[in-house]
C-alpha atoms as a PDB file:
ATOM      1  CA  MET A   1      91.890 108.877  15.990  1.00  0.00           C
ATOM      2  CA  SER A   2      94.328 107.487  13.460  1.00  0.00           C
ATOM      3  CA  LEU A   3      98.057 108.126  13.345  1.00  0.00           C
ATOM      4  CA  THR A   4     100.591 106.719  10.910  1.00  0.00           C
ATOM      5  CA  PHE A   5     104.290 107.220  11.535  1.00  0.00           C
ATOM      6  CA  TYR A   6     106.692 106.990   8.595  1.00  0.00           C
ATOM      7  CA  ASN A   7     110.001 106.031  10.139  1.00  0.00           C
ATOM      8  CA  THR A   8     113.597 105.305   9.239  1.00  0.00           C
ATOM      9  CA  PRO A   9     115.578 104.103  12.261  1.00  0.00           C
ATOM     10  CA  GLN A  10     118.761 106.004  13.172  1.00  0.00           C
ATOM     11  CA  SER A  11     117.508 109.168  11.523  1.00  0.00           C
ATOM     12  CA  SER A  12     115.887 112.376  12.751  1.00  0.00           C
ATOM     13  CA  ALA A  13     112.695 110.313  13.006  1.00  0.00           C
ATOM     14  CA  ASP A  14     114.117 108.813  16.214  1.00  0.00           C
ATOM     15  CA  ARG A  15     113.112 111.926  18.156  1.00  0.00           C
ATOM     16  CA  VAL A  16     109.495 111.506  17.041  1.00  0.00           C
ATOM     17  CA  HIS A  17     109.634 107.791  17.832  1.00  0.00           C
ATOM     18  CA  ALA A  18     110.758 108.664  21.381  1.00  0.00           C
ATOM     19  CA  SER A  19     107.821 111.045  21.798  1.00  0.00           C
ATOM     20  CA  LEU A  20     105.301 108.526  20.488  1.00  0.00           C
ATOM     21  CA  LYS A  21     106.559 105.914  22.937  1.00  0.00           C
ATOM     22  CA  ALA A  22     106.391 108.395  25.801  1.00  0.00           C
ATOM     23  CA  LEU A  23     102.844 109.412  24.883  1.00  0.00           C
ATOM     24  CA  GLY A  24     101.738 105.782  24.751  1.00  0.00           C
ATOM     25  CA  ILE A  25      99.215 106.392  21.980  1.00  0.00           C
ATOM     26  CA  PRO A  26      98.423 103.802  19.292  1.00  0.00           C
ATOM     27  CA  TYR A  27      99.897 104.316  15.855  1.00  0.00           C
ATOM     28  CA  ASP A  28     100.720 102.440  12.694  1.00  0.00           C
ATOM     29  CA  GLU A  29     104.344 102.435  11.588  1.00  0.00           C
ATOM     30  CA  VAL A  30     105.572 102.431   8.002  1.00  0.00           C
ATOM     31  CA  ARG A  31     109.286 101.809   7.496  1.00  0.00           C
ATOM     32  CA  VAL A  32     110.818 104.021   4.830  1.00  0.00           C
ATOM     33  CA  ASP A  33     113.964 102.641   3.181  1.00  0.00           C
ATOM     34  CA  LEU A  34     115.808 105.792   2.197  1.00  0.00           C
ATOM     35  CA  ARG A  35     118.573 103.887   0.426  1.00  0.00           C
ATOM     36  CA  ALA A  36     116.022 102.123  -1.742  1.00  0.00           C
ATOM     37  CA  GLY A  37     114.481 105.462  -2.690  1.00  0.00           C
ATOM     38  CA  ASP A  38     111.174 104.983  -0.851  1.00  0.00           C
ATOM     39  CA  ALA A  39     111.000 108.705  -0.012  1.00  0.00           C
ATOM     40  CA  LYS A  40     111.138 109.571  -3.717  1.00  0.00           C
ATOM     41  CA  LYS A  41     108.196 107.391  -4.667  1.00  0.00           C
ATOM     42  CA  PRO A  42     105.023 109.195  -5.811  1.00  0.00           C
ATOM     43  CA  GLU A  43     102.892 107.862  -2.956  1.00  0.00           C
ATOM     44  CA  PHE A  44     105.326 109.236  -0.372  1.00  0.00           C
ATOM     45  CA  LEU A  45     105.848 112.537  -2.175  1.00  0.00           C
ATOM     46  CA  ALA A  46     102.089 113.026  -2.228  1.00  0.00           C
ATOM     47  CA  LEU A  47     102.251 113.150   1.574  1.00  0.00           C
ATOM     48  CA  ASN A  48     105.634 114.822   1.991  1.00  0.00           C
ATOM     49  CA  PRO A  49     107.008 116.701  -1.031  1.00  0.00           C
ATOM     50  CA  ASN A  50     110.187 117.296   0.998  1.00  0.00           C
ATOM     51  CA  ALA A  51     111.011 113.580   0.514  1.00  0.00           C
ATOM     52  CA  LYS A  52     112.350 113.039   4.032  1.00  0.00           C
ATOM     53  CA  VAL A  53     111.447 111.416   7.317  1.00  0.00           C
ATOM     54  CA  PRO A  54     109.940 111.874   9.798  1.00  0.00           C
ATOM     55  CA  LEU A  55     106.393 112.133   8.588  1.00  0.00           C
ATOM     56  CA  VAL A  56     103.166 111.515  10.469  1.00  0.00           C
ATOM     57  CA  VAL A  57      99.632 111.432   9.148  1.00  0.00           C
ATOM     58  CA  ILE A  58      97.109 112.415  11.805  1.00  0.00           C
ATOM     59  CA  ASP A  59      93.485 111.693  10.934  1.00  0.00           C
ATOM     60  CA  GLY A  60      94.357 111.942   7.237  1.00  0.00           C
ATOM     61  CA  THR A  61      96.447 115.125   7.442  1.00  0.00           C
ATOM     62  CA  PRO A  62     100.195 114.801   6.802  1.00  0.00           C
ATOM     63  CA  VAL A  63     102.633 116.662   9.044  1.00  0.00           C
ATOM     64  CA  PHE A  64     106.348 116.790   8.233  1.00  0.00           C
ATOM     65  CA  GLU A  65     109.415 118.461   9.765  1.00  0.00           C
ATOM     66  CA  SER A  66     110.211 117.065  13.190  1.00  0.00           C
ATOM     67  CA  VAL A  67     109.655 120.297  15.124  1.00  0.00           C
ATOM     68  CA  ALA A  68     106.189 120.680  13.579  1.00  0.00           C
ATOM     69  CA  ILE A  69     105.432 117.046  14.392  1.00  0.00           C
ATOM     70  CA  GLN A  70     106.482 117.446  18.017  1.00  0.00           C
ATOM     71  CA  ILE A  71     104.294 120.517  18.424  1.00  0.00           C
ATOM     72  CA  ALA A  72     101.355 118.735  16.762  1.00  0.00           C
ATOM     73  CA  LEU A  73     101.784 115.695  19.012  1.00  0.00           C
ATOM     74  CA  GLY A  74     102.093 117.901  22.065  1.00  0.00           C
ATOM     75  CA  GLU A  75      99.011 119.958  21.351  1.00  0.00           C
ATOM     76  CA  ARG A  76      96.912 117.029  20.129  1.00  0.00           C
ATOM     77  CA  TYR A  77      97.837 114.372  22.690  1.00  0.00           C
ATOM     78  CA  GLY A  78     100.465 115.672  25.087  1.00  0.00           C
ATOM     79  CA  VAL A  79      98.362 117.996  27.250  1.00  0.00           C
ATOM     80  CA  GLU A  80      96.034 115.167  28.270  1.00  0.00           C
ATOM     81  CA  LYS A  81      99.009 112.855  28.856  1.00  0.00           C
ATOM     82  CA  GLY A  82     100.821 115.419  30.994  1.00  0.00           C
ATOM     83  CA  LEU A  83     103.695 115.732  28.518  1.00  0.00           C
ATOM     84  CA  TRP A  84     102.863 119.143  27.085  1.00  0.00           C
ATOM     85  CA  PRO A  85     101.870 122.336  28.883  1.00  0.00           C
ATOM     86  CA  ALA A  86      98.395 123.765  28.538  1.00  0.00           C
ATOM     87  CA  LEU A  87      98.101 125.944  25.445  1.00  0.00           C
ATOM     88  CA  GLY A  88      98.628 129.605  26.207  1.00  0.00           C
ATOM     89  CA  SER A  89     100.345 129.014  29.532  1.00  0.00           C
ATOM     90  CA  ALA A  90     103.778 130.407  30.356  1.00  0.00           C
ATOM     91  CA  GLU A  91     105.125 126.842  30.364  1.00  0.00           C
ATOM     92  CA  HIS A  92     103.705 126.293  26.867  1.00  0.00           C
ATOM     93  CA  LEU A  93     105.571 129.302  25.525  1.00  0.00           C
ATOM     94  CA  THR A  94     108.744 128.106  27.225  1.00  0.00           C
ATOM     95  CA  ALA A  95     108.381 124.595  25.775  1.00  0.00           C
ATOM     96  CA  LEU A  96     107.930 126.004  22.268  1.00  0.00           C
ATOM     97  CA  THR A  97     110.957 128.249  22.686  1.00  0.00           C
ATOM     98  CA  TRP A  98     113.346 125.528  23.831  1.00  0.00           C
ATOM     99  CA  LEU A  99     112.046 122.902  21.408  1.00  0.00           C
ATOM    100  CA  VAL A 100     112.663 125.181  18.418  1.00  0.00           C
ATOM    101  CA  TRP A 101     115.943 126.485  19.866  1.00  0.00           C
ATOM    102  CA  SER A 102     117.233 122.964  20.271  1.00  0.00           C
ATOM    103  CA  GLN A 103     116.449 121.873  16.737  1.00  0.00           C
ATOM    104  CA  VAL A 104     117.567 125.075  15.031  1.00  0.00           C
ATOM    105  CA  ASN A 105     120.702 125.704  17.090  1.00  0.00           C
ATOM    106  CA  LEU A 106     121.989 122.922  19.316  1.00  0.00           C
ATOM    107  CA  THR A 107     121.117 119.966  17.102  1.00  0.00           C
ATOM    108  CA  ALA A 108     122.529 121.747  14.065  1.00  0.00           C
ATOM    109  CA  GLU A 109     125.899 122.171  15.776  1.00  0.00           C
ATOM    110  CA  VAL A 110     125.938 118.557  17.008  1.00  0.00           C
ATOM    111  CA  PHE A 111     125.427 117.356  13.446  1.00  0.00           C
ATOM    112  CA  ARG A 112     127.924 119.839  12.028  1.00  0.00           C
ATOM    113  CA  TYR A 113     130.541 118.561  14.439  1.00  0.00           C
ATOM    114  CA  MET A 114     129.775 114.953  13.577  1.00  0.00           C
ATOM    115  CA  GLN A 115     129.915 115.634   9.839  1.00  0.00           C
ATOM    116  CA  ASN A 116     133.466 116.827  10.313  1.00  0.00           C
ATOM    117  CA  THR A 117     134.685 114.163  12.755  1.00  0.00           C
ATOM    118  CA  SER A 118     132.563 111.018  12.635  1.00  0.00           C
ATOM    119  CA  ASP A 119     133.308 107.817  10.731  1.00  0.00           C
ATOM    120  CA  TYR A 120     129.703 107.993   9.526  1.00  0.00           C
ATOM    121  CA  PHE A 121     130.923 110.606   7.030  1.00  0.00           C
ATOM    122  CA  PRO A 122     133.771 110.220   4.523  1.00  0.00           C
ATOM    123  CA  LYS A 123     137.099 111.359   5.958  1.00  0.00           C
ATOM    124  CA  GLU A 124     137.822 113.429   2.876  1.00  0.00           C
ATOM    125  CA  GLN A 125     134.832 115.595   3.834  1.00  0.00           C
ATOM    126  CA  HIS A 126     136.135 116.251   7.349  1.00  0.00           C
ATOM    127  CA  ASN A 127     137.261 119.811   8.001  1.00  0.00           C
ATOM    128  CA  PRO A 128     139.151 120.387  11.278  1.00  0.00           C
ATOM    129  CA  GLU A 129     138.368 124.112  11.310  1.00  0.00           C
ATOM    130  CA  HIS A 130     134.664 123.493  10.877  1.00  0.00           C
ATOM    131  CA  ALA A 131     134.790 120.818  13.579  1.00  0.00           C
ATOM    132  CA  ALA A 132     136.487 123.180  16.028  1.00  0.00           C
ATOM    133  CA  ALA A 133     133.976 125.945  15.309  1.00  0.00           C
ATOM    134  CA  ALA A 134     131.038 123.561  15.770  1.00  0.00           C
ATOM    135  CA  LEU A 135     132.440 122.224  19.037  1.00  0.00           C
ATOM    136  CA  ALA A 136     132.946 125.725  20.423  1.00  0.00           C
ATOM    137  CA  GLU A 137     129.408 126.732  19.459  1.00  0.00           C
ATOM    138  CA  MET A 138     128.017 123.492  20.882  1.00  0.00           C
ATOM    139  CA  LYS A 139     129.681 124.185  24.228  1.00  0.00           C
ATOM    140  CA  ASP A 140     128.254 127.712  24.311  1.00  0.00           C
ATOM    141  CA  LEU A 141     124.789 126.347  23.618  1.00  0.00           C
ATOM    142  CA  LEU A 142     125.156 123.669  26.288  1.00  0.00           C
ATOM    143  CA  GLY A 143     125.989 126.500  28.662  1.00  0.00           C
ATOM    144  CA  MET A 144     122.692 128.165  27.771  1.00  0.00           C
ATOM    145  CA  LEU A 145     120.795 124.937  28.393  1.00  0.00           C
ATOM    146  CA  ASP A 146     122.638 124.391  31.677  1.00  0.00           C
ATOM    147  CA  HIS A 147     121.600 127.868  32.815  1.00  0.00           C
ATOM    148  CA  GLN A 148     117.968 127.201  31.867  1.00  0.00           C
ATOM    149  CA  LEU A 149     117.999 124.011  33.930  1.00  0.00           C
ATOM    150  CA  GLU A 150     119.393 125.744  37.028  1.00  0.00           C
ATOM    151  CA  GLY A 151     116.867 125.184  39.795  1.00  0.00           C
ATOM    152  CA  ARG A 152     114.525 123.266  37.474  1.00  0.00           C
ATOM    153  CA  GLY A 153     113.968 119.568  36.909  1.00  0.00           C
ATOM    154  CA  PHE A 154     113.164 120.124  33.239  1.00  0.00           C
ATOM    155  CA  VAL A 155     113.285 122.961  30.730  1.00  0.00           C
ATOM    156  CA  THR A 156     109.821 124.298  31.606  1.00  0.00           C
ATOM    157  CA  GLY A 157     109.893 123.572  35.323  1.00  0.00           C
ATOM    158  CA  GLU A 158     109.262 120.401  37.307  1.00  0.00           C
ATOM    159  CA  ARG A 159     107.355 118.447  34.654  1.00  0.00           C
ATOM    160  CA  MET A 160     108.956 116.687  31.708  1.00  0.00           C
ATOM    161  CA  THR A 161     107.582 117.619  28.300  1.00  0.00           C
ATOM    162  CA  LEU A 162     108.119 116.518  24.718  1.00  0.00           C
ATOM    163  CA  ALA A 163     110.635 119.362  24.457  1.00  0.00           C
ATOM    164  CA  ASP A 164     112.849 117.555  26.983  1.00  0.00           C
ATOM    165  CA  ILE A 165     112.355 114.197  25.258  1.00  0.00           C
ATOM    166  CA  ASP A 166     113.176 115.692  21.864  1.00  0.00           C
ATOM    167  CA  MET A 167     116.409 117.225  23.147  1.00  0.00           C
ATOM    168  CA  GLY A 168     117.313 114.095  25.065  1.00  0.00           C
ATOM    169  CA  SER A 169     116.859 111.871  22.017  1.00  0.00           C
ATOM    170  CA  VAL A 170     119.472 113.914  20.164  1.00  0.00           C
ATOM    171  CA  LEU A 171     121.900 114.712  22.947  1.00  0.00           C
ATOM    172  CA  GLY A 172     121.867 111.221  24.427  1.00  0.00           C
ATOM    173  CA  TRP A 173     123.839 109.841  21.490  1.00  0.00           C
ATOM    174  CA  GLY A 174     125.127 113.065  19.962  1.00  0.00           C
ATOM    175  CA  LEU A 175     127.212 114.090  22.962  1.00  0.00           C
ATOM    176  CA  MET A 176     128.527 110.557  23.337  1.00  0.00           C
ATOM    177  CA  MET A 177     129.593 110.535  19.686  1.00  0.00           C
ATOM    178  CA  ALA A 178     131.118 113.991  20.048  1.00  0.00           C
ATOM    179  CA  LYS A 179     132.820 112.894  23.308  1.00  0.00           C
ATOM    180  CA  VAL A 180     131.770 116.086  25.088  1.00  0.00           C
ATOM    181  CA  ASP A 181     132.578 116.103  28.810  1.00  0.00           C
ATOM    182  CA  LEU A 182     129.507 117.283  30.717  1.00  0.00           C
ATOM    183  CA  GLY A 183     131.545 118.123  33.795  1.00  0.00           C
ATOM    184  CA  ALA A 184     131.188 121.823  32.998  1.00  0.00           C
ATOM    185  CA  TYR A 185     127.414 121.428  32.658  1.00  0.00           C
ATOM    186  CA  PRO A 186     126.198 119.796  35.895  1.00  0.00           C
ATOM    187  CA  ASN A 187     122.544 120.617  35.308  1.00  0.00           C
ATOM    188  CA  VAL A 188     122.615 119.056  31.830  1.00  0.00           C
ATOM    189  CA  ALA A 189     124.450 116.017  33.244  1.00  0.00           C
ATOM    190  CA  ARG A 190     121.705 115.603  35.878  1.00  0.00           C
ATOM    191  CA  TRP A 191     118.852 116.155  33.433  1.00  0.00           C
ATOM    192  CA  LEU A 192     120.005 114.119  30.442  1.00  0.00           C
ATOM    193  CA  PRO A 193     119.617 110.580  31.888  1.00  0.00           C
ATOM    194  CA  ARG A 194     116.064 111.455  32.917  1.00  0.00           C
ATOM    195  CA  VAL A 195     114.944 112.477  29.416  1.00  0.00           C
ATOM    196  CA  SER A 196     116.848 110.120  27.125  1.00  0.00           C
ATOM    197  CA  GLY A 197     116.652 106.390  26.631  1.00  0.00           C
ATOM    198  CA  PRO A 198     113.960 103.971  27.896  1.00  0.00           C
ATOM    199  CA  SER A 199     113.301 105.847  31.148  1.00  0.00           C
ATOM    200  CA  ALA A 200     111.953 108.867  29.258  1.00  0.00           C
ATOM    201  CA  ALA A 201     109.384 106.756  27.479  1.00  0.00           C
ATOM    202  CA  SER A 202     108.182 104.864  30.536  1.00  0.00           C
END
């Protein structure tokens, strides 16, 4: 088994990094300097024509897009490690659903809010109306997640999966940056410390 992880810290590759640490599998890491144009170099484009991180190469086959990578890691390594449900099980279908939902919906709104409020983005690009719309949508989505976690330790049941770790890696810092009060989402507030940060990878 060989796995190479192309990583840029403080990017969407962080969610894959969190999963790799949790899985505890060996891998080689290649740092990609986006500012220096590493992702536009021919050798990188040959592996990922989308010219972005994250990227993993598993036994010679490149996989890009973080949701595809998480599914590949789950199915290849996670079942044995207890971090991904058995393929075809009800829990597997639930993990797929919430993993994709999080990246397509919740994460998109977190980033949209940050783009319109955060100092990481030029102030002249901030749009208060867009920020308000993103925050309202984010709160609705957090309500959905809170409902899913009612009576459950994790999104699929009582066992943490890479779907939880993926969501936690985004929400752990995203909600702090957005200054969202989790008081209205007690199940999310209980769940989040368990799936984000060092404890999720231990």
